Amino acid sequence: MKLALASVVFLLAQSHLTSAQDVKVREEAVRLMERANLVSTPVERPSSERVDRFRVFSDSGVQEGSFSRVVIQGVGRREEWAFGNYHLLNVWTLKQVAVVGASNMIPAELIRVTRITPMNLVHFDGEDVIHSIVEREMSGHRAKCIEFDTIKGQQTQNNELCVDARSGVLLEEKLGAELIENDDFFPFAGALMPGKISYSFAGANKIEITQSINALSSSEANVLAAPAGAELHTICGTFRRPFGISMPQPKAGNGGTDSDVMVRASVGVDGRVYETTVQSSERPDLNEEALALAKQWRFTPALCDGNPLQKVVEFTLHFQGR
């Protein structure tokens, strides 16, 4: 299962899949997902303002946050993040970015919100084996639910995608331990977008999001003026990402399961890893070990017009037989 892209990949004829699933069922599953992507992809890209307000529920209580993005086509964009004590404002124009606020990494909760908004669209690929399509009622909607497995190496992930049988929108996504529920759809630029999104991971780390998107006129470009006291940075003419030099993985165990822990970290201008945090984890009990090992990784630094640049990266530590 991959995030939906502009190009469509159809894999109906692959011999290794036809032996494991009914081709007609897969054909219908692909059609349903293509329709879901179609009805929730804007026909045009007008200047717009999107506001996501959310609440994170955890053992320590409830925290509120927000993310907003203003895009003036052909001029630039304004993005603002707020969560707890974290605040960051970036104003991008054609030649520079103005920055106000936090210099530390964006919290994992904000990254998760921006990943699943405005809509988490996916499509099937060669790792997916379709089992069945069943009909059910979901919060007053007649839904068609696609049950399938995603096979990655030795790991098999059980998944389900449910679409509205009438409008075609994606109502629910069960992707491994993740559950994303979409509701209160509204029209925007020829597409249907969810006004409410609910997220959870393994039944915990719940996030409730309310979302609005409104068209703007190009005359509102003054919202892209650099805020007072902002740090001004020139946008890179050429950019090279960090490349790993030493990336030790955890020692293998004698157990029968494999687990991945995804880590976000800041790679400094010296190529060392700083400010590590867990982005997602299949085994929370392995998080501390993963973070300690991640700090041992070494990279070439990112380059902006040939000059070293601090850059946030994501990488996965694989625990085998643990």
Protein backbone atom coordinates (compact mmCIF):
# COMPACT_ATOMS: atom_id res chain seq x y z
CA MET A 1 0.00 0.00 0.00
CA LYS A 2 1.42 3.33 -1.08
CA LEU A 3 0.33 6.94 -0.79
CA ALA A 4 -1.68 7.92 -3.84
CA LEU A 5 0.36 9.58 -6.58
CA ALA A 6 -0.54 11.44 -9.75
CA SER A 7 0.44 8.41 -11.84
CA VAL A 8 -1.65 5.26 -11.44
CA VAL A 9 -0.08 1.84 -11.12
CA PHE A 10 -2.20 -1.16 -12.10
CA LEU A 11 -0.78 -4.56 -11.19
CA LEU A 12 -3.60 -6.87 -12.17
CA ALA A 13 -1.58 -9.18 -14.38
CA GLN A 14 1.30 -10.11 -12.12
CA SER A 15 1.51 -13.88 -11.90
CA HIS A 16 2.58 -14.00 -8.25
CA LEU A 17 -0.64 -12.19 -7.27
CA THR A 18 -3.15 -14.07 -9.42
CA SER A 19 -2.39 -17.29 -7.56
CA ALA A 20 -3.18 -15.64 -4.21
CA GLN A 21 -6.30 -13.66 -5.03
CA ASP A 22 -9.26 -13.45 -7.37
CA VAL A 23 -8.39 -11.13 -10.27
CA LYS A 24 -11.96 -9.80 -10.51
CA VAL A 25 -11.99 -8.95 -6.81
CA ARG A 26 -8.68 -7.13 -7.19
CA GLU A 27 -9.96 -5.32 -10.26
CA GLU A 28 -12.99 -4.07 -8.32
CA ALA A 29 -10.81 -3.08 -5.33
CA VAL A 30 -8.52 -1.04 -7.58
CA ARG A 31 -11.57 0.61 -9.19
CA LEU A 32 -13.02 1.56 -5.79
CA MET A 33 -9.74 3.09 -4.63
CA GLU A 34 -9.24 4.99 -7.88
CA ARG A 35 -12.72 6.44 -7.49
CA ALA A 36 -11.98 7.38 -3.86
CA ASN A 37 -8.81 9.17 -4.95
CA LEU A 38 -10.65 10.88 -7.80
CA VAL A 39 -13.51 12.31 -5.74
CA SER A 40 -11.13 13.66 -3.05
CA THR A 41 -8.53 15.18 -5.38
CA PRO A 42 -9.20 18.85 -6.29
CA VAL A 43 -9.86 19.55 -9.96
CA GLU A 44 -7.86 22.76 -9.68
CA ARG A 45 -5.48 24.34 -7.16
CA PRO A 46 -6.87 27.74 -6.20
CA SER A 47 -5.26 30.07 -3.69
CA SER A 48 -6.59 28.79 -0.38
CA GLU A 49 -6.42 28.69 3.40
CA ARG A 50 -6.53 25.40 5.28
CA VAL A 51 -6.92 25.23 9.06
CA ASP A 52 -6.59 22.03 11.08
CA ARG A 53 -7.42 22.16 14.77
CA PHE A 54 -6.83 19.01 16.78
CA ARG A 55 -6.82 17.40 20.21
CA VAL A 56 -4.37 14.67 21.28
CA PHE A 57 -5.56 12.21 23.92
CA SER A 58 -2.87 10.42 25.94
CA ASP A 59 -2.24 9.05 29.42
CA SER A 60 -0.99 12.50 30.48
CA GLY A 61 -4.24 14.21 29.45
CA VAL A 62 -5.54 16.19 26.48
CA GLN A 63 -3.44 18.66 24.49
CA GLU A 64 -4.68 20.98 21.78
CA GLY A 65 -2.87 22.14 18.68
CA SER A 66 -3.31 23.58 15.22
CA PHE A 67 -1.79 23.70 11.76
CA SER A 68 -2.63 26.25 9.08
CA ARG A 69 -1.47 26.68 5.49
CA VAL A 70 -2.20 29.67 3.27
CA VAL A 71 -1.22 29.25 -0.39
CA ILE A 72 -1.27 32.14 -2.85
CA GLN A 73 -0.63 30.50 -6.20
CA GLY A 74 2.41 31.90 -7.99
CA VAL A 75 3.44 33.94 -4.93
CA GLY A 76 4.16 31.66 -1.95
CA ARG A 77 2.73 30.05 1.14
CA ARG A 78 2.43 30.58 4.90
CA GLU A 79 2.54 27.64 7.33
CA GLU A 80 2.06 27.80 11.08
CA TRP A 81 2.34 24.99 13.66
CA ALA A 82 1.29 25.14 17.31
CA PHE A 83 1.22 22.34 19.88
CA GLY A 84 1.81 22.77 23.60
CA ASN A 85 4.87 25.00 24.00
CA TYR A 86 5.89 24.48 20.38
CA HIS A 87 5.26 27.26 17.86
CA LEU A 88 6.72 27.73 14.38
CA LEU A 89 5.76 30.08 11.55
CA ASN A 90 7.30 29.84 8.06
CA VAL A 91 6.47 32.26 5.24
CA TRP A 92 7.76 31.07 1.86
CA THR A 93 8.09 33.31 -1.17
CA LEU A 94 9.89 32.70 -4.45
CA LYS A 95 13.34 33.68 -3.15
CA GLN A 96 13.31 33.37 0.63
CA VAL A 97 11.67 31.90 3.71
CA ALA A 98 10.94 33.95 6.83
CA VAL A 99 11.05 31.92 10.08
CA VAL A 100 9.59 32.82 13.47
CA GLY A 101 9.59 30.54 16.49
CA ALA A 102 10.98 27.14 17.46
CA SER A 103 14.23 25.87 16.02
CA ASN A 104 13.82 22.38 17.50
CA MET A 105 12.09 19.53 15.71
CA ILE A 106 8.37 19.57 15.06
CA PRO A 107 6.61 17.24 17.56
CA ALA A 108 5.62 13.83 16.24
CA GLU A 109 1.92 14.66 16.79
CA LEU A 110 2.12 17.60 14.39
CA ILE A 111 3.93 15.50 11.79
CA ARG A 112 1.19 12.90 12.08
CA VAL A 113 -1.55 15.51 11.63
CA THR A 114 0.07 17.01 8.52
CA ARG A 115 0.60 13.50 7.09
CA ILE A 116 -3.07 12.49 7.20
CA THR A 117 -4.52 15.90 6.24
CA PRO A 118 -6.15 17.19 4.15
CA MET A 119 -6.83 13.55 3.20
CA ASN A 120 -4.76 10.37 3.43
CA LEU A 121 -5.14 8.83 -0.04
CA VAL A 122 -3.54 5.51 -1.00
CA HIS A 123 -3.42 3.01 -3.84
CA PHE A 124 -2.66 -0.68 -4.16
CA ASP A 125 0.70 -1.99 -5.32
CA GLY A 126 2.51 -5.30 -5.69
CA GLU A 127 2.83 -5.80 -1.92
CA ASP A 128 -0.96 -5.94 -1.49
CA VAL A 129 -3.04 -9.14 -1.67
CA ILE A 130 -6.80 -8.51 -1.88
CA HIS A 131 -8.99 -11.05 -0.06
CA SER A 132 -12.57 -9.78 -0.24
CA ILE A 133 -14.94 -6.84 -0.58
CA VAL A 134 -17.80 -6.78 1.92
CA GLU A 135 -20.72 -4.39 2.43
CA ARG A 136 -21.65 -2.91 5.80
CA GLU A 137 -23.31 0.08 7.43
CA MET A 138 -20.95 2.70 8.90
CA SER A 139 -22.41 5.70 10.77
CA GLY A 140 -25.36 5.92 8.42
CA HIS A 141 -23.31 5.23 5.28
CA ARG A 142 -23.57 2.11 3.15
CA ALA A 143 -19.92 1.17 2.75
CA LYS A 144 -17.87 -1.24 0.68
CA CYS A 145 -14.88 -2.50 2.64
CA ILE A 146 -11.79 -3.98 1.00
CA GLU A 147 -10.00 -6.56 3.15
CA PHE A 148 -6.37 -7.18 2.18
CA ASP A 149 -2.87 -7.97 3.42
CA THR A 150 0.31 -6.03 2.73
CA ILE A 151 3.34 -8.33 2.63
CA LYS A 152 6.73 -6.75 3.24
CA GLY A 153 9.50 -9.32 3.52
CA GLN A 154 8.66 -11.51 6.52
CA GLN A 155 5.96 -9.17 7.78
CA THR A 156 2.27 -9.43 6.90
CA GLN A 157 0.07 -6.46 7.75
CA ASN A 158 -3.71 -6.94 7.95
CA ASN A 159 -5.61 -3.99 6.46
CA GLU A 160 -9.05 -2.75 5.51
CA LEU A 161 -10.26 0.23 3.48
CA CYS A 162 -13.92 1.29 3.50
CA VAL A 163 -15.47 3.61 0.92
CA ASP A 164 -18.91 5.20 0.74
CA ALA A 165 -20.89 3.14 -1.77
CA ARG A 166 -22.76 6.22 -3.02
CA SER A 167 -20.24 9.09 -3.07
CA GLY A 168 -17.08 6.99 -3.29
CA VAL A 169 -15.20 8.86 -0.52
CA LEU A 170 -12.79 7.00 1.75
CA LEU A 171 -14.50 6.57 5.12
CA GLU A 172 -12.09 4.40 7.07
CA GLU A 173 -8.50 3.16 6.78
CA LYS A 174 -7.17 0.33 8.93
CA LEU A 175 -3.50 0.07 7.97
CA GLY A 176 -1.76 -2.24 10.40
CA ALA A 177 -2.04 -0.65 13.83
CA GLU A 178 -3.24 2.68 12.39
CA LEU A 179 -6.91 3.61 12.17
CA ILE A 180 -8.02 6.73 10.27
CA GLU A 181 -11.72 7.66 10.14
CA ASN A 182 -13.07 10.44 7.88
CA ASP A 183 -16.45 12.16 8.28
CA ASP A 184 -18.41 15.40 7.62
CA PHE A 185 -17.22 15.77 4.01
CA PHE A 186 -17.48 19.19 2.36
CA PRO A 187 -16.89 20.37 -1.23
CA PHE A 188 -13.70 22.20 -2.19
CA ALA A 189 -12.35 22.87 -5.70
CA GLY A 190 -14.38 20.05 -7.23
CA ALA A 191 -13.45 17.52 -4.53
CA LEU A 192 -14.97 16.18 -1.30
CA MET A 193 -12.74 16.71 1.75
CA PRO A 194 -13.27 15.45 5.35
CA GLY A 195 -14.27 18.04 7.94
CA LYS A 196 -13.52 15.58 10.74
CA ILE A 197 -10.65 13.09 10.94
CA SER A 198 -10.00 10.68 13.79
CA TYR A 199 -6.66 8.87 14.19
CA SER A 200 -5.39 6.20 16.56
CA PHE A 201 -2.46 3.79 16.72
CA ALA A 202 -3.04 0.40 18.34
CA GLY A 203 -6.10 1.85 20.04
CA ALA A 204 -4.07 4.60 21.72
CA ASN A 205 -2.46 7.96 20.84
CA LYS A 206 -5.85 9.17 19.64
CA ILE A 207 -6.06 12.43 17.67
CA GLU A 208 -9.31 14.21 16.72
CA ILE A 209 -9.03 16.78 13.92
CA THR A 210 -11.48 19.36 12.57
CA GLN A 211 -10.57 20.77 9.18
CA SER A 212 -11.67 23.66 6.97
CA ILE A 213 -10.43 24.76 3.54
CA ASN A 214 -11.50 28.01 1.89
CA ALA A 215 -10.58 29.61 -1.42
CA LEU A 216 -8.76 32.97 -1.36
CA SER A 217 -8.21 35.66 -3.95
CA SER A 218 -4.71 36.57 -5.16
CA SER A 219 -5.30 40.08 -3.73
CA GLU A 220 -4.78 38.57 -0.26
CA ALA A 221 -1.08 38.01 -0.96
CA ASN A 222 -0.24 40.46 1.85
CA VAL A 223 -0.62 37.53 4.26
CA LEU A 224 2.79 36.44 2.94
CA ALA A 225 4.60 39.50 4.24
CA ALA A 226 7.56 38.59 6.47
CA PRO A 227 6.55 38.93 10.17
CA ALA A 228 8.46 41.42 12.33
CA GLY A 229 11.59 39.89 13.81
CA ALA A 230 11.62 36.92 11.44
CA GLU A 231 14.86 35.23 10.44
CA LEU A 232 15.26 35.44 6.66
CA HIS A 233 16.81 32.51 4.79
CA THR A 234 17.57 32.28 1.09
CA ILE A 235 15.91 29.31 -0.62
CA CYS A 236 18.49 26.81 -1.91
CA GLY A 237 19.24 26.92 -5.61
CA THR A 238 20.64 23.39 -5.35
CA PHE A 239 19.99 21.04 -2.45
CA ARG A 240 21.55 17.68 -1.56
CA ARG A 241 20.05 15.57 1.21
CA PRO A 242 22.11 13.86 3.94
CA PHE A 243 23.50 10.43 2.99
CA GLY A 244 24.19 7.68 5.53
CA ILE A 245 27.79 6.70 6.20
CA SER A 246 27.42 4.48 9.27
CA MET A 247 23.96 3.13 10.12
CA PRO A 248 24.20 0.23 12.61
CA GLN A 249 21.04 -1.80 13.13
CA PRO A 250 19.98 -3.51 16.39
CA LYS A 251 21.46 -6.92 17.16
CA ALA A 252 19.25 -9.79 16.03
CA GLY A 253 17.46 -11.85 18.66
CA ASN A 254 16.35 -15.47 18.81
CA GLY A 255 12.62 -14.75 18.79
CA GLY A 256 10.18 -15.20 15.95
CA THR A 257 9.00 -11.67 15.22
CA ASP A 258 10.45 -8.64 13.44
CA SER A 259 9.57 -5.06 14.37
CA ASP A 260 10.39 -1.61 13.01
CA VAL A 261 10.86 1.66 14.87
CA MET A 262 10.86 4.82 12.75
CA VAL A 263 13.00 7.63 14.15
CA ARG A 264 13.11 11.31 13.26
CA ALA A 265 16.33 13.14 13.95
CA SER A 266 18.21 16.30 13.12
CA VAL A 267 21.45 15.75 11.18
CA GLY A 268 23.86 18.55 12.02
CA VAL A 269 26.40 20.25 9.78
CA ASP A 270 28.95 17.79 11.22
CA GLY A 271 26.88 14.79 10.06
CA ARG A 272 26.06 13.71 13.62
CA VAL A 273 22.55 12.91 14.81
CA TYR A 274 20.79 15.21 17.30
CA GLU A 275 17.27 15.62 18.76
CA THR A 276 16.08 12.07 18.15
CA THR A 277 12.41 11.21 18.58
CA VAL A 278 10.25 8.20 17.75
CA GLN A 279 7.91 8.88 14.82
CA SER A 280 6.18 5.48 14.86
CA SER A 281 6.83 2.18 16.60
CA GLU A 282 5.52 -1.35 16.40
CA ARG A 283 7.17 -2.12 19.76
CA PRO A 284 7.19 0.80 22.23
CA ASP A 285 9.33 -1.26 24.62
CA LEU A 286 12.16 -1.01 22.06
CA ASN A 287 11.95 2.76 21.64
CA GLU A 288 14.73 3.70 24.04
CA GLU A 289 17.11 1.20 22.48
CA ALA A 290 16.24 2.54 19.02
CA LEU A 291 16.88 6.15 20.04
CA ALA A 292 20.21 5.28 21.65
CA LEU A 293 21.35 3.43 18.55
CA ALA A 294 20.11 6.19 16.22
CA LYS A 295 22.45 8.66 17.93
CA GLN A 296 25.34 6.52 16.70
CA TRP A 297 24.39 6.96 13.04
CA ARG A 298 26.59 9.20 10.90
CA PHE A 299 25.73 11.04 7.68
CA THR A 300 27.21 13.39 5.16
CA PRO A 301 25.57 16.75 6.00
CA ALA A 302 22.86 18.22 3.82
CA LEU A 303 24.14 20.83 1.39
CA CYS A 304 22.45 24.09 0.38
CA ASP A 305 24.25 25.62 -2.60
CA GLY A 306 27.31 23.63 -1.52
CA ASN A 307 27.22 24.77 2.13
CA PRO A 308 26.50 22.35 5.05
CA LEU A 309 22.97 22.63 6.38
CA GLN A 310 21.17 21.12 9.40
CA LYS A 311 18.33 18.90 8.19
CA VAL A 312 15.65 16.71 9.79
CA VAL A 313 15.54 13.13 8.42
CA GLU A 314 13.53 9.96 9.04
CA PHE A 315 15.00 6.46 9.14
CA THR A 316 13.95 3.02 10.32
CA LEU A 317 15.67 0.67 12.77
CA HIS A 318 14.81 -2.97 12.16
CA PHE A 319 14.61 -5.34 15.14
CA GLN A 320 14.90 -8.91 13.88
CA GLY A 321 13.81 -11.84 16.00
CA ARG A 322 13.00 -9.63 18.98
